[in-house]
N, C-alpha and C. Protein backbone atom coordinates (compact mmCIF):
# COMPACT_ATOMS: atom_id res chain seq x y z
N MET A 1 14.59 -15.69 -26.80
CA MET A 1 15.25 -15.56 -25.73
C MET A 1 15.12 -16.75 -24.57
N SER A 2 15.15 -17.16 -23.92
CA SER A 2 15.44 -18.86 -22.27
C SER A 2 15.76 -17.70 -21.46
N LEU A 3 14.03 -17.03 -21.14
CA LEU A 3 13.63 -15.65 -19.93
C LEU A 3 13.68 -17.12 -18.63
N SER A 4 14.38 -16.54 -17.73
CA SER A 4 14.06 -17.43 -15.92
C SER A 4 14.31 -16.19 -15.23
N LEU A 5 14.97 -15.09 -15.55
CA LEU A 5 14.15 -14.62 -14.11
C LEU A 5 13.45 -13.07 -14.75
N VAL A 6 12.84 -12.19 -13.32
CA VAL A 6 12.18 -11.08 -14.25
C VAL A 6 12.67 -10.62 -13.39
N ILE A 7 13.13 -9.05 -13.05
CA ILE A 7 13.28 -8.47 -11.75
C ILE A 7 12.66 -7.13 -12.21
N PHE A 8 12.50 -6.71 -10.87
CA PHE A 8 11.08 -5.41 -10.65
C PHE A 8 11.98 -4.50 -9.53
N ASP A 9 11.09 -3.28 -10.38
CA ASP A 9 11.61 -1.99 -9.24
C ASP A 9 10.84 -2.41 -8.45
N VAL A 10 11.11 -1.03 -7.59
CA VAL A 10 9.65 -1.53 -6.41
C VAL A 10 8.45 0.15 -6.40
N ASP A 11 9.31 1.10 -6.06
CA ASP A 11 8.49 1.98 -5.64
C ASP A 11 8.17 2.90 -7.56
N GLY A 12 6.87 2.96 -8.02
CA GLY A 12 6.32 3.76 -8.88
C GLY A 12 6.75 2.46 -10.72
N LEU A 13 6.65 1.64 -9.53
CA LEU A 13 6.71 0.70 -10.53
C LEU A 13 6.11 -1.10 -10.24
N LEU A 14 5.89 -1.42 -8.65
CA LEU A 14 4.24 -2.05 -8.33
C LEU A 14 4.20 -1.74 -7.89
N LEU A 15 4.89 -0.14 -6.96
CA LEU A 15 4.06 0.30 -5.88
C LEU A 15 3.98 1.41 -6.08
N ASP A 16 2.71 2.78 -5.96
CA ASP A 16 2.54 4.02 -6.75
C ASP A 16 2.27 4.79 -5.24
N THR A 17 4.22 4.56 -4.88
CA THR A 17 4.38 4.88 -3.56
C THR A 17 5.22 6.32 -4.60
N GLU A 18 4.87 7.55 -5.59
CA GLU A 18 6.15 8.07 -6.08
C GLU A 18 5.11 9.33 -6.53
N ARG A 19 3.31 8.80 -6.70
CA ARG A 19 2.80 9.77 -5.99
C ARG A 19 2.55 10.25 -5.47
N VAL A 20 2.25 9.21 -4.54
CA VAL A 20 2.58 10.09 -2.68
C VAL A 20 3.46 10.90 -2.57
N TRP A 21 4.63 10.07 -2.72
CA TRP A 21 5.81 11.03 -2.60
C TRP A 21 6.31 12.73 -2.99
N GLN A 22 5.62 13.10 -4.50
CA GLN A 22 5.38 13.47 -5.37
C GLN A 22 3.91 15.04 -4.56
N GLU A 23 3.34 14.48 -3.95
CA GLU A 23 1.87 14.98 -3.30
C GLU A 23 2.73 15.42 -1.77
N VAL A 24 3.67 14.77 -1.30
CA VAL A 24 4.14 15.53 0.19
C VAL A 24 4.97 17.09 -0.09
N TRP A 25 5.61 16.13 -1.26
CA TRP A 25 7.32 17.42 -1.73
C TRP A 25 6.11 18.65 -2.19
N ILE A 26 4.89 18.76 -2.26
CA ILE A 26 4.53 19.64 -3.13
C ILE A 26 3.97 20.15 -1.52
N ASP A 27 3.82 19.58 -0.89
CA ASP A 27 2.53 19.84 0.41
C ASP A 27 4.12 21.13 1.46
N VAL A 28 5.40 19.69 1.75
CA VAL A 28 6.29 20.40 2.33
C VAL A 28 6.46 21.51 1.52
N ALA A 29 6.78 22.05 0.36
CA ALA A 29 7.62 23.19 -0.56
C ALA A 29 6.84 24.50 0.45
N LYS A 30 5.37 23.55 0.20
CA LYS A 30 4.80 25.32 0.37
C LYS A 30 4.74 25.86 2.43
N GLU A 31 5.07 24.68 2.61
CA GLU A 31 5.27 25.26 3.86
C GLU A 31 6.56 26.11 4.15
N TYR A 32 7.41 26.00 3.03
CA TYR A 32 9.15 26.57 3.55
C TYR A 32 9.05 28.35 2.72
N SER A 33 8.59 27.65 1.04
CA SER A 33 8.48 28.84 0.87
C SER A 33 7.81 28.84 -0.75
N PRO A 34 6.69 29.43 -0.87
CA PRO A 34 5.78 29.86 -2.67
C PRO A 34 6.69 29.92 -3.74
N ASP A 35 7.87 30.10 -3.38
CA ASP A 35 9.04 30.04 -4.21
C ASP A 35 9.75 29.14 -4.88
N ILE A 36 9.27 27.66 -4.02
CA ILE A 36 9.63 26.50 -3.89
C ILE A 36 8.98 25.37 -5.25
N ALA A 37 8.88 25.10 -6.30
CA ALA A 37 8.47 24.15 -7.12
C ALA A 37 8.43 22.88 -5.99
N GLY A 38 7.29 22.80 -5.03
CA GLY A 38 7.90 20.91 -4.53
C GLY A 38 7.30 19.87 -6.23
N LYS A 39 5.75 20.05 -7.24
CA LYS A 39 6.29 19.03 -8.02
C LYS A 39 7.25 19.13 -9.19
N SER A 40 8.14 20.09 -9.68
CA SER A 40 9.36 19.97 -10.43
C SER A 40 10.78 19.71 -9.64
N LEU A 41 10.28 19.71 -7.86
CA LEU A 41 11.48 19.50 -7.10
C LEU A 41 12.21 18.24 -7.28
N PHE A 42 10.62 17.50 -6.77
CA PHE A 42 10.52 16.68 -6.63
C PHE A 42 11.16 15.57 -7.84
N LYS A 43 10.39 15.64 -8.50
CA LYS A 43 10.94 15.05 -10.48
C LYS A 43 12.72 15.05 -11.09
N LYS A 44 13.44 16.50 -10.40
CA LYS A 44 14.82 16.35 -10.22
C LYS A 44 15.46 14.74 -9.15
N VAL A 45 14.57 14.84 -7.99
CA VAL A 45 15.33 13.74 -7.37
C VAL A 45 14.46 12.48 -8.01
N VAL A 46 13.65 11.92 -8.31
CA VAL A 46 13.05 10.73 -8.76
C VAL A 46 14.25 9.75 -8.45
N GLY A 47 13.97 8.69 -8.08
CA GLY A 47 14.67 7.11 -8.59
C GLY A 47 16.85 7.68 -7.86
N TYR A 48 16.81 8.33 -7.09
CA TYR A 48 18.15 8.90 -6.39
C TYR A 48 17.75 8.86 -5.05
N SER A 49 18.74 8.51 -4.43
CA SER A 49 18.54 8.29 -3.09
C SER A 49 20.77 9.10 -2.43
N GLY A 50 20.70 9.24 -1.40
CA GLY A 50 21.11 9.50 -0.59
C GLY A 50 22.12 11.04 -0.71
N GLU A 51 23.19 10.74 -0.95
CA GLU A 51 23.89 12.47 -1.19
C GLU A 51 23.61 13.02 -2.10
N SER A 52 23.65 12.18 -3.10
CA SER A 52 22.54 12.78 -4.76
C SER A 52 21.34 13.29 -4.66
N VAL A 53 21.09 13.56 -3.90
CA VAL A 53 19.43 14.41 -2.76
C VAL A 53 19.67 14.46 -2.81
N GLY A 54 20.60 14.86 -1.76
CA GLY A 54 21.20 16.29 -0.97
C GLY A 54 21.76 17.33 -1.71
N GLN A 55 22.83 16.78 -2.72
CA GLN A 55 23.09 17.66 -3.31
C GLN A 55 21.82 18.29 -4.44
N ILE A 56 21.45 17.71 -4.88
CA ILE A 56 19.85 18.94 -6.06
C ILE A 56 19.27 19.37 -4.50
N LEU A 57 18.35 18.81 -3.89
CA LEU A 57 18.32 20.41 -2.43
C LEU A 57 18.97 21.17 -1.81
N HIS A 58 20.01 21.09 -1.94
CA HIS A 58 21.21 21.93 -1.30
C HIS A 58 21.49 23.51 -3.19
N GLN A 59 20.70 22.74 -4.55
CA GLN A 59 20.64 23.47 -5.32
C GLN A 59 19.54 24.98 -5.49
N GLU A 60 18.44 23.54 -4.70
CA GLU A 60 17.15 23.98 -5.74
C GLU A 60 16.48 24.90 -4.63
N LEU A 61 16.83 24.27 -2.59
CA LEU A 61 16.44 24.65 -2.19
C LEU A 61 16.07 26.11 -1.73
N GLN A 62 17.78 27.29 -2.11
CA GLN A 62 18.21 28.78 -1.97
C GLN A 62 18.40 29.06 -0.68
N GLY A 63 18.49 28.86 0.65
CA GLY A 63 18.12 28.71 1.35
C GLY A 63 17.06 28.97 2.56
N HIS A 64 15.94 28.57 2.01
CA HIS A 64 14.39 28.25 2.77
C HIS A 64 15.18 27.76 4.24
N CYS A 65 16.03 26.81 3.31
CA CYS A 65 15.64 25.28 4.83
C CYS A 65 16.64 24.83 4.26
N THR A 66 17.44 23.94 4.65
CA THR A 66 18.63 22.63 4.79
C THR A 66 18.07 21.56 4.63
N PRO A 67 18.21 21.00 3.15
CA PRO A 67 17.67 20.20 2.94
C PRO A 67 17.74 18.87 4.13
N GLU A 68 18.06 18.49 4.88
CA GLU A 68 18.09 17.56 5.48
C GLU A 68 16.36 17.74 6.76
N GLU A 69 16.32 19.39 6.65
CA GLU A 69 15.05 19.85 6.94
C GLU A 69 14.19 19.52 6.51
N PHE A 70 14.08 19.34 5.16
CA PHE A 70 13.24 19.77 3.68
C PHE A 70 13.15 17.86 3.97
N LEU A 71 13.59 17.70 3.70
CA LEU A 71 13.35 15.21 4.10
C LEU A 71 13.24 15.06 5.16
N GLU A 72 13.64 15.50 6.20
CA GLU A 72 12.57 15.17 8.24
C GLU A 72 11.77 15.40 7.78
N THR A 73 11.40 16.06 7.08
CA THR A 73 9.70 17.04 7.55
C THR A 73 8.46 16.30 6.67
N ALA A 74 9.81 16.04 5.14
CA ALA A 74 9.03 15.17 4.28
C ALA A 74 9.12 13.73 4.54
N ARG A 75 9.49 12.91 4.90
CA ARG A 75 9.74 11.63 5.37
C ARG A 75 8.71 11.56 6.72
N GLU A 76 8.10 12.52 7.72
CA GLU A 76 7.53 12.09 8.49
C GLU A 76 6.70 11.61 8.36
N ILE A 77 6.06 12.68 6.80
CA ILE A 77 4.44 13.70 7.15
C ILE A 77 4.10 12.17 5.09
N GLY A 78 5.57 11.53 4.24
CA GLY A 78 5.21 10.74 3.59
C GLY A 78 4.71 9.32 4.15
N LEU A 79 5.81 8.86 5.24
CA LEU A 79 5.93 7.51 5.94
C LEU A 79 4.42 7.82 6.40
N GLU A 80 3.80 8.14 6.56
CA GLU A 80 2.62 8.96 6.94
C GLU A 80 1.14 8.24 6.52
N ARG A 81 1.47 9.05 5.07
CA ARG A 81 0.14 8.62 4.53
C ARG A 81 0.08 7.39 3.96
N LEU A 82 1.66 6.50 3.41
CA LEU A 82 2.37 5.28 2.27
C LEU A 82 1.29 4.11 3.54
N ARG A 83 1.02 5.15 5.12
CA ARG A 83 0.34 3.87 6.35
C ARG A 83 -1.06 4.09 5.53
N LYS A 84 -2.14 4.36 4.85
CA LYS A 84 -2.95 4.39 4.55
C LYS A 84 -2.93 4.42 3.54
N GLU A 85 -2.61 5.17 2.53
CA GLU A 85 -3.14 4.91 1.36
C GLU A 85 -1.76 4.37 0.04
N LEU A 86 -1.28 3.26 0.05
CA LEU A 86 -0.50 2.67 -0.18
C LEU A 86 -1.36 1.34 -1.11
N ARG A 87 -1.11 1.65 -2.39
CA ARG A 87 -1.74 0.89 -3.56
C ARG A 87 -0.82 0.45 -4.43
N VAL A 88 -1.41 -0.70 -4.75
CA VAL A 88 -0.43 -1.47 -6.19
C VAL A 88 -0.79 -1.18 -7.44
N LYS A 89 1.06 -0.41 -8.48
CA LYS A 89 -0.13 -0.06 -9.62
C LYS A 89 -1.19 -1.04 -10.66
N PRO A 90 -1.55 -0.61 -11.08
CA PRO A 90 -2.33 -1.39 -12.70
C PRO A 90 -1.18 -2.96 -13.58
N GLY A 91 -2.16 -3.74 -13.27
CA GLY A 91 -1.33 -4.53 -13.80
C GLY A 91 -0.32 -5.72 -12.47
N VAL A 92 -0.35 -5.73 -12.05
CA VAL A 92 0.45 -6.54 -10.99
C VAL A 92 0.42 -7.39 -10.79
N TYR A 93 -0.26 -8.06 -10.04
CA TYR A 93 -1.21 -8.20 -9.90
C TYR A 93 -0.99 -10.05 -10.65
N GLU A 94 -1.60 -9.16 -12.24
CA GLU A 94 -1.67 -10.18 -13.34
C GLU A 94 -0.51 -10.51 -13.78
N ILE A 95 0.53 -9.68 -13.58
CA ILE A 95 2.16 -9.75 -14.20
C ILE A 95 2.88 -10.94 -13.16
N LEU A 96 2.56 -10.67 -11.86
CA LEU A 96 3.15 -11.78 -10.88
C LEU A 96 2.84 -13.52 -11.55
N SER A 97 1.22 -13.62 -11.34
CA SER A 97 0.63 -14.45 -11.95
C SER A 97 1.54 -15.15 -12.92
N PHE A 98 1.68 -14.41 -14.02
CA PHE A 98 1.70 -14.84 -15.59
C PHE A 98 2.73 -15.47 -15.15
N LEU A 99 3.68 -14.84 -14.69
CA LEU A 99 5.28 -15.20 -14.45
C LEU A 99 5.45 -16.61 -13.95
N LYS A 100 4.99 -16.65 -12.30
CA LYS A 100 3.99 -17.99 -11.34
C LYS A 100 4.12 -18.99 -12.33
N LYS A 101 3.11 -18.67 -12.68
CA LYS A 101 2.50 -20.16 -13.64
C LYS A 101 2.98 -20.42 -14.87
N ASN A 102 3.86 -19.62 -15.20
CA ASN A 102 5.35 -19.92 -16.44
C ASN A 102 6.15 -20.22 -15.64
N LYS A 103 6.20 -20.19 -14.63
CA LYS A 103 7.63 -21.18 -13.70
C LYS A 103 8.73 -20.37 -13.79
N ILE A 104 8.30 -19.42 -13.96
CA ILE A 104 9.51 -17.93 -14.36
C ILE A 104 9.76 -17.26 -12.56
N ARG A 105 11.16 -17.17 -12.44
CA ARG A 105 11.54 -16.79 -10.86
C ARG A 105 11.06 -15.43 -10.76
N MET A 106 11.30 -14.40 -10.42
CA MET A 106 10.52 -12.86 -9.79
C MET A 106 11.62 -12.80 -8.73
N ALA A 107 12.59 -11.30 -8.64
CA ALA A 107 12.99 -10.85 -7.76
C ALA A 107 13.07 -9.37 -7.74
N VAL A 108 13.31 -8.64 -7.23
CA VAL A 108 13.46 -7.43 -6.63
C VAL A 108 15.16 -6.43 -6.20
N ALA A 109 14.96 -5.72 -7.09
CA ALA A 109 15.32 -4.57 -7.07
C ALA A 109 15.37 -3.56 -6.49
N THR A 110 15.68 -2.34 -5.67
CA THR A 110 14.78 -1.29 -5.41
C THR A 110 16.30 -0.34 -3.93
N SER A 111 16.03 0.98 -4.48
CA SER A 111 17.44 1.45 -3.12
C SER A 111 16.43 1.95 -1.91
N THR A 112 15.60 1.34 -1.86
CA THR A 112 14.86 1.63 -0.52
C THR A 112 14.63 0.26 0.28
N SER A 113 15.11 0.76 1.36
CA SER A 113 15.39 -0.41 2.57
C SER A 113 14.42 -1.03 2.57
N ARG A 114 15.26 -2.86 3.99
CA ARG A 114 15.21 -3.82 3.66
C ARG A 114 13.88 -3.95 4.60
N LEU A 115 13.30 -2.86 5.52
CA LEU A 115 12.22 -2.91 6.54
C LEU A 115 11.62 -2.36 5.99
N LEU A 116 11.06 -1.10 5.10
CA LEU A 116 10.34 -0.60 4.84
C LEU A 116 9.96 -1.37 3.25
N THR A 117 10.28 -1.92 2.48
CA THR A 117 10.34 -2.54 1.50
C THR A 117 9.73 -3.63 1.83
N GLU A 118 9.59 -4.97 2.98
CA GLU A 118 9.36 -6.11 3.03
C GLU A 118 7.91 -5.86 3.48
N GLU A 119 8.20 -4.61 4.67
CA GLU A 119 6.43 -4.78 5.24
C GLU A 119 5.64 -4.01 3.27
N ARG A 120 6.01 -3.76 3.53
CA ARG A 120 5.01 -3.10 2.04
C ARG A 120 4.91 -3.86 0.85
N LEU A 121 5.52 -4.57 0.52
CA LEU A 121 5.04 -5.99 -0.09
C LEU A 121 4.57 -6.69 0.76
N LYS A 122 4.54 -6.50 1.96
CA LYS A 122 3.61 -8.19 2.47
C LYS A 122 3.35 -7.49 2.80
N ARG A 123 2.24 -6.09 3.06
CA ARG A 123 0.44 -5.41 3.50
C ARG A 123 -0.12 -5.51 2.18
N VAL A 124 0.71 -5.33 0.21
CA VAL A 124 -0.01 -5.51 -0.02
C VAL A 124 0.20 -7.25 -1.15
N GLY A 125 0.39 -8.29 -0.14
CA GLY A 125 -0.40 -9.06 0.01
C GLY A 125 1.02 -9.86 -1.37
N LEU A 126 2.12 -9.09 -2.29
CA LEU A 126 2.95 -9.49 -3.00
C LEU A 126 4.44 -10.06 -2.37
N TYR A 127 4.63 -9.75 -1.39
CA TYR A 127 6.03 -10.56 -0.82
C TYR A 127 6.70 -11.62 -1.57
N SER A 128 5.09 -12.86 -0.96
CA SER A 128 5.59 -14.60 -1.72
C SER A 128 6.05 -14.79 -2.82
N ASN A 129 5.90 -13.53 -3.63
CA ASN A 129 6.57 -13.89 -4.49
C ASN A 129 7.47 -14.04 -5.58
N PHE A 130 8.16 -13.60 -4.52
CA PHE A 130 9.51 -13.61 -5.38
C PHE A 130 10.99 -14.16 -4.47
N ASP A 131 11.60 -14.62 -5.58
CA ASP A 131 12.98 -16.12 -5.42
C ASP A 131 14.08 -15.04 -4.51
N CYS A 132 14.35 -13.64 -4.15
CA CYS A 132 15.05 -12.45 -4.30
C CYS A 132 14.50 -11.19 -3.91
N ILE A 133 14.62 -10.93 -3.23
CA ILE A 133 14.89 -8.67 -3.02
C ILE A 133 15.85 -8.64 -1.76
N CYS A 134 16.26 -7.97 -3.25
CA CYS A 134 18.24 -7.15 -3.08
C CYS A 134 17.56 -5.28 -2.56
N CYS A 135 17.61 -4.98 -0.91
CA CYS A 135 17.28 -3.74 -1.35
C CYS A 135 18.20 -2.74 -1.28
N GLY A 136 18.19 -2.03 -0.82
CA GLY A 136 19.40 -0.40 -1.09
C GLY A 136 19.71 -0.71 0.28
N ASP A 137 19.83 -1.06 1.13
CA ASP A 137 20.98 -1.69 2.11
C ASP A 137 21.70 -2.97 2.00
N ASP A 138 21.79 -3.08 0.93
CA ASP A 138 22.22 -4.91 1.00
C ASP A 138 23.44 -4.90 -0.45
N ILE A 139 23.32 -2.98 -0.61
CA ILE A 139 24.83 -2.72 -1.29
C ILE A 139 25.43 -1.78 -1.13
N CYS A 140 26.72 -1.11 -1.15
CA CYS A 140 27.60 -0.59 -1.35
C CYS A 140 26.62 0.80 -2.13
N ASN A 141 26.53 0.57 -3.00
CA ASN A 141 26.35 1.80 -4.62
C ASN A 141 25.13 1.35 -4.88
N LYS A 142 24.83 2.46 -4.89
CA LYS A 142 22.41 2.78 -5.35
C LYS A 142 22.50 2.91 -6.63
N LYS A 143 22.20 3.09 -7.34
CA LYS A 143 20.97 2.76 -8.84
C LYS A 143 20.86 4.81 -9.11
N PRO A 144 21.99 4.94 -9.79
CA PRO A 144 22.41 3.95 -11.90
C PRO A 144 23.53 3.22 -11.26
N SER A 145 24.22 3.20 -10.22
CA SER A 145 25.03 1.46 -10.25
C SER A 145 24.78 0.61 -10.67
N PRO A 146 25.38 -0.53 -11.01
CA PRO A 146 24.63 -1.46 -11.65
C PRO A 146 24.65 -2.65 -10.56
N ASP A 147 25.55 -2.32 -9.43
CA ASP A 147 26.16 -3.29 -8.21
C ASP A 147 24.25 -3.95 -7.37
N ILE A 148 23.51 -3.39 -7.69
CA ILE A 148 22.26 -4.32 -7.36
C ILE A 148 21.58 -5.15 -8.71
N TYR A 149 21.75 -4.89 -9.39
CA TYR A 149 21.02 -6.11 -10.43
C TYR A 149 23.17 -6.99 -10.53
N LEU A 150 24.16 -6.56 -10.70
CA LEU A 150 24.78 -7.24 -10.80
C LEU A 150 24.38 -7.92 -9.17
N GLU A 151 23.84 -8.01 -8.03
CA GLU A 151 23.54 -8.69 -6.74
C GLU A 151 22.79 -9.86 -7.35
N VAL A 152 21.87 -9.52 -7.53
CA VAL A 152 20.59 -10.33 -7.85
C VAL A 152 20.86 -11.57 -9.51
N LEU A 153 21.57 -11.64 -10.01
CA LEU A 153 22.13 -12.16 -10.83
C LEU A 153 22.78 -13.48 -9.96
N LYS A 154 23.57 -12.59 -9.38
CA LYS A 154 24.22 -13.64 -7.99
C LYS A 154 24.44 -14.55 -6.91
N LYS A 155 22.92 -13.81 -6.62
CA LYS A 155 22.10 -14.61 -5.31
C LYS A 155 21.45 -15.97 -6.29
N THR A 156 21.02 -15.48 -7.67
CA THR A 156 20.03 -15.87 -8.32
C THR A 156 20.45 -17.00 -9.16
N GLY A 157 22.83 -17.71 -8.96
CA GLY A 157 22.86 -17.56 -10.34
C GLY A 157 22.32 -17.45 -11.64
N THR A 158 21.65 -16.32 -11.66
CA THR A 158 21.34 -16.29 -13.24
C THR A 158 22.01 -16.11 -14.52
N ASN A 159 21.94 -15.65 -15.14
CA ASN A 159 22.99 -15.25 -16.41
C ASN A 159 22.06 -14.15 -17.37
N ASN A 160 23.16 -13.72 -17.05
CA ASN A 160 22.15 -11.36 -17.86
C ASN A 160 21.49 -11.66 -18.59
N LYS A 161 21.72 -12.78 -19.52
CA LYS A 161 21.51 -12.35 -21.28
C LYS A 161 19.86 -13.28 -20.54
N ASP A 162 19.19 -14.32 -19.88
CA ASP A 162 18.58 -14.66 -19.06
C ASP A 162 17.55 -14.45 -18.61
N ALA A 163 17.70 -13.13 -18.22
CA ALA A 163 17.01 -11.93 -17.23
C ALA A 163 16.01 -10.91 -17.81
N LEU A 164 15.21 -9.87 -16.62
CA LEU A 164 15.14 -9.16 -18.08
C LEU A 164 14.67 -8.12 -16.16
N VAL A 165 14.71 -7.18 -17.09
CA VAL A 165 13.90 -6.01 -15.98
C VAL A 165 12.74 -4.73 -15.82
N PHE A 166 12.51 -4.78 -14.95
CA PHE A 166 11.43 -3.75 -15.69
C PHE A 166 11.50 -2.54 -14.60
N GLU A 167 11.86 -1.39 -15.13
CA GLU A 167 11.75 -0.55 -14.30
C GLU A 167 10.89 1.32 -14.44
N ASP A 168 10.88 2.06 -14.20
CA ASP A 168 10.01 3.01 -14.23
C ASP A 168 10.94 4.36 -13.68
N SER A 169 12.38 4.32 -13.71
CA SER A 169 13.27 5.48 -13.94
C SER A 169 14.56 5.64 -14.35
N LYS A 170 15.36 7.18 -14.94
CA LYS A 170 15.72 6.99 -15.22
C LYS A 170 17.25 6.16 -14.67
N VAL A 171 17.65 6.64 -13.31
CA VAL A 171 19.00 5.84 -12.37
C VAL A 171 18.68 4.26 -13.24
N GLY A 172 17.18 3.49 -12.83
CA GLY A 172 16.76 2.44 -12.88
C GLY A 172 16.36 1.68 -14.26
N ILE A 173 16.61 2.87 -15.54
CA ILE A 173 16.79 1.53 -16.44
C ILE A 173 18.34 1.43 -16.74
N THR A 174 19.10 2.62 -15.77
CA THR A 174 20.76 2.56 -16.49
C THR A 174 21.26 1.50 -16.34
N ALA A 175 21.16 1.32 -14.28
CA ALA A 175 21.57 0.53 -13.80
C ALA A 175 21.11 -0.08 -14.24
N ALA A 176 20.18 -1.46 -15.06
CA ALA A 176 20.26 -2.12 -15.76
C ALA A 176 20.93 -1.90 -16.77
N TYR A 177 20.83 -1.31 -17.68
CA TYR A 177 21.56 -0.95 -18.94
C TYR A 177 23.22 -1.30 -18.88
N ARG A 178 23.79 -0.99 -17.23
CA ARG A 178 24.71 -0.87 -17.03
C ARG A 178 25.75 -2.25 -16.75
N ALA A 179 24.26 -2.89 -16.26
CA ALA A 179 24.69 -4.29 -15.47
C ALA A 179 24.37 -5.10 -17.62
N ASP A 180 24.09 -4.69 -18.08
CA ASP A 180 23.80 -6.27 -19.64
C ASP A 180 22.35 -6.59 -19.32
N ILE A 181 21.60 -5.93 -18.83
CA ILE A 181 20.26 -7.08 -18.68
C ILE A 181 19.35 -6.51 -19.12
N PRO A 182 18.94 -6.93 -19.94
CA PRO A 182 17.81 -5.82 -20.95
C PRO A 182 16.37 -5.83 -20.21
N CYS A 183 15.88 -4.56 -20.76
CA CYS A 183 15.15 -3.31 -19.63
C CYS A 183 13.89 -3.04 -20.45
N ILE A 184 13.07 -3.58 -20.02
CA ILE A 184 11.67 -2.46 -20.12
C ILE A 184 10.77 -1.55 -19.89
N LEU A 185 10.75 -0.26 -19.56
CA LEU A 185 10.75 0.27 -19.29
C LEU A 185 9.58 1.18 -19.44
N ILE A 186 8.73 1.37 -18.18
CA ILE A 186 7.35 1.57 -17.74
C ILE A 186 7.28 3.08 -16.78
N PRO A 187 7.62 3.64 -17.61
CA PRO A 187 7.62 4.86 -17.22
C PRO A 187 6.52 5.68 -16.26
N ASP A 188 6.51 6.46 -14.84
CA ASP A 188 5.77 6.56 -14.04
C ASP A 188 5.40 8.03 -14.02
N LEU A 189 6.29 9.13 -13.84
CA LEU A 189 6.08 10.06 -13.41
C LEU A 189 6.50 10.69 -14.12
N ILE A 190 7.31 10.48 -15.33
CA ILE A 190 8.65 11.34 -16.36
C ILE A 190 8.31 11.00 -17.13
N ASP A 191 8.47 11.58 -18.12
CA ASP A 191 8.06 10.65 -19.28
C ASP A 191 9.65 10.54 -20.11
N PRO A 192 10.51 9.49 -20.39
CA PRO A 192 11.47 9.20 -21.10
C PRO A 192 11.65 10.35 -21.93
N ASP A 193 13.86 10.15 -21.50
CA ASP A 193 13.72 10.95 -23.01
C ASP A 193 14.84 9.97 -24.35
N GLN A 194 15.42 10.63 -25.01
CA GLN A 194 15.69 9.25 -25.90
C GLN A 194 16.82 9.38 -24.85
N GLU A 195 17.56 9.19 -24.78
CA GLU A 195 18.97 8.01 -24.72
C GLU A 195 17.97 6.77 -23.36
N GLN A 196 17.47 7.28 -22.67
CA GLN A 196 16.33 6.54 -21.48
C GLN A 196 15.34 4.99 -23.21
N ILE A 197 14.98 6.06 -24.00
CA ILE A 197 14.30 4.99 -24.41
C ILE A 197 15.51 4.36 -25.84
N LYS A 198 17.00 4.77 -26.36
CA LYS A 198 17.71 3.74 -26.51
C LYS A 198 18.19 2.43 -25.78
N MET A 199 18.68 2.70 -24.09
CA MET A 199 18.76 2.14 -23.45
C MET A 199 17.89 0.76 -23.19
N ALA A 200 16.35 1.35 -23.20
CA ALA A 200 15.08 -0.22 -22.94
C ALA A 200 14.84 -1.48 -24.01
N LYS A 201 14.69 -2.11 -24.07
CA LYS A 201 14.49 -2.84 -24.91
C LYS A 201 12.98 -2.14 -25.33
N GLN A 202 12.17 -1.84 -24.30
CA GLN A 202 11.04 -1.37 -24.90
C GLN A 202 10.58 -0.69 -23.86
N VAL A 203 10.05 0.35 -24.12
CA VAL A 203 9.35 1.01 -23.69
C VAL A 203 7.29 0.95 -23.86
N LEU A 204 6.85 0.79 -22.83
CA LEU A 204 5.40 -0.10 -22.18
C LEU A 204 4.23 1.40 -21.85
N PRO A 205 2.87 1.70 -22.17
CA PRO A 205 2.78 2.37 -21.14
C PRO A 205 2.26 2.01 -19.62
N SER A 206 2.12 0.10 -19.50
CA SER A 206 2.34 0.14 -17.98
C SER A 206 1.51 -1.47 -18.03
N LEU A 207 2.26 -1.86 -17.33
CA LEU A 207 2.22 -3.39 -16.72
C LEU A 207 1.26 -4.01 -17.85
N ASN A 208 0.37 -3.64 -17.22
CA ASN A 208 -0.99 -4.30 -18.42
C ASN A 208 -0.38 -4.33 -19.61
N ASP A 209 0.55 -4.40 -20.51
CA ASP A 209 0.44 -4.31 -21.31
C ASP A 209 1.92 -5.38 -21.68
N ALA A 210 2.66 -6.21 -20.64
CA ALA A 210 3.88 -6.67 -20.63
C ALA A 210 3.35 -7.89 -20.70
N ILE A 211 2.33 -8.74 -20.28
CA ILE A 211 2.39 -9.60 -20.47
C ILE A 211 3.29 -10.12 -22.42
N PRO A 212 1.63 -9.92 -23.01
CA PRO A 212 1.96 -10.52 -24.45
C PRO A 212 3.32 -10.67 -25.15
N PHE A 213 4.09 -8.39 -24.94
CA PHE A 213 4.97 -9.01 -24.59
C PHE A 213 6.23 -9.75 -24.40
N ILE A 214 6.01 -10.30 -23.57
CA ILE A 214 6.52 -11.35 -22.74
C ILE A 214 6.44 -12.55 -23.35
N GLU A 215 5.75 -13.12 -24.00
CA GLU A 215 5.33 -13.73 -24.20
C GLU A 215 5.67 -13.88 -25.68
N GLN A 216 6.05 -12.84 -26.47
CA GLN A 216 6.37 -12.48 -27.88
C GLN A 216 8.56 -13.01 -27.68
N MET A 217 8.72 -12.59 -26.42
CA MET A 217 9.56 -12.52 -25.81
C MET A 217 10.33 -14.23 -26.21
N MET A 218 9.54 -14.62 -25.01
CA MET A 218 9.50 -15.96 -25.04
C MET A 218 10.40 -16.77 -26.05
N LYS A 219 8.57 -16.70 -27.50
CA LYS A 219 8.79 -17.58 -28.46
C LYS A 219 9.96 -16.89 -29.91
N GLU A 220 11.26 -16.24 -28.91
CA GLU A 220 12.12 -15.57 -30.04
C GLU A 220 13.52 -16.27 -29.48
């Protein structure tokens, strides 16, 4: 494989944000009703954004509060926690260093806004590693649409077969699959189902396991 570009999702893959948001949703759900299971509710919306999240919440909240009320409360609490608790996932610094050493370009494709993405990547010292950062506000259709990955390929002038994606969520790997880019799935909070496993080139437990796998791919 002629690997020239590796594209990373951010939340749940580079940054350990999903775990923080899950804890926030558990706390917020308790505020509105003991009948709302915040943990399972959060897992239903992982990777989704915008209208899709609103539709799921409308079904699950059962009138205890509006989706807008729930999201506003969770967002306020979550952003404050992430200002204090932002952590990098295991293996991130190591894999970025490996790719840089081997002169393989790196990019980001995330549904999160550019303002938050750039601030967080800079805060943990990752920002300067990436040749291209494509965010949710750069495209019209978010994951699972392939648009964000196609945009990264366009901006970097890369053929889809010369790229590799790392994702942690169902909507993310679906987006990469629809863009016809090989994808390694590293699950975060949710174990993959058979559909996701079939779409992935490989499923690995963490980024720590990715370096030897990439080395093998480069020899193929």
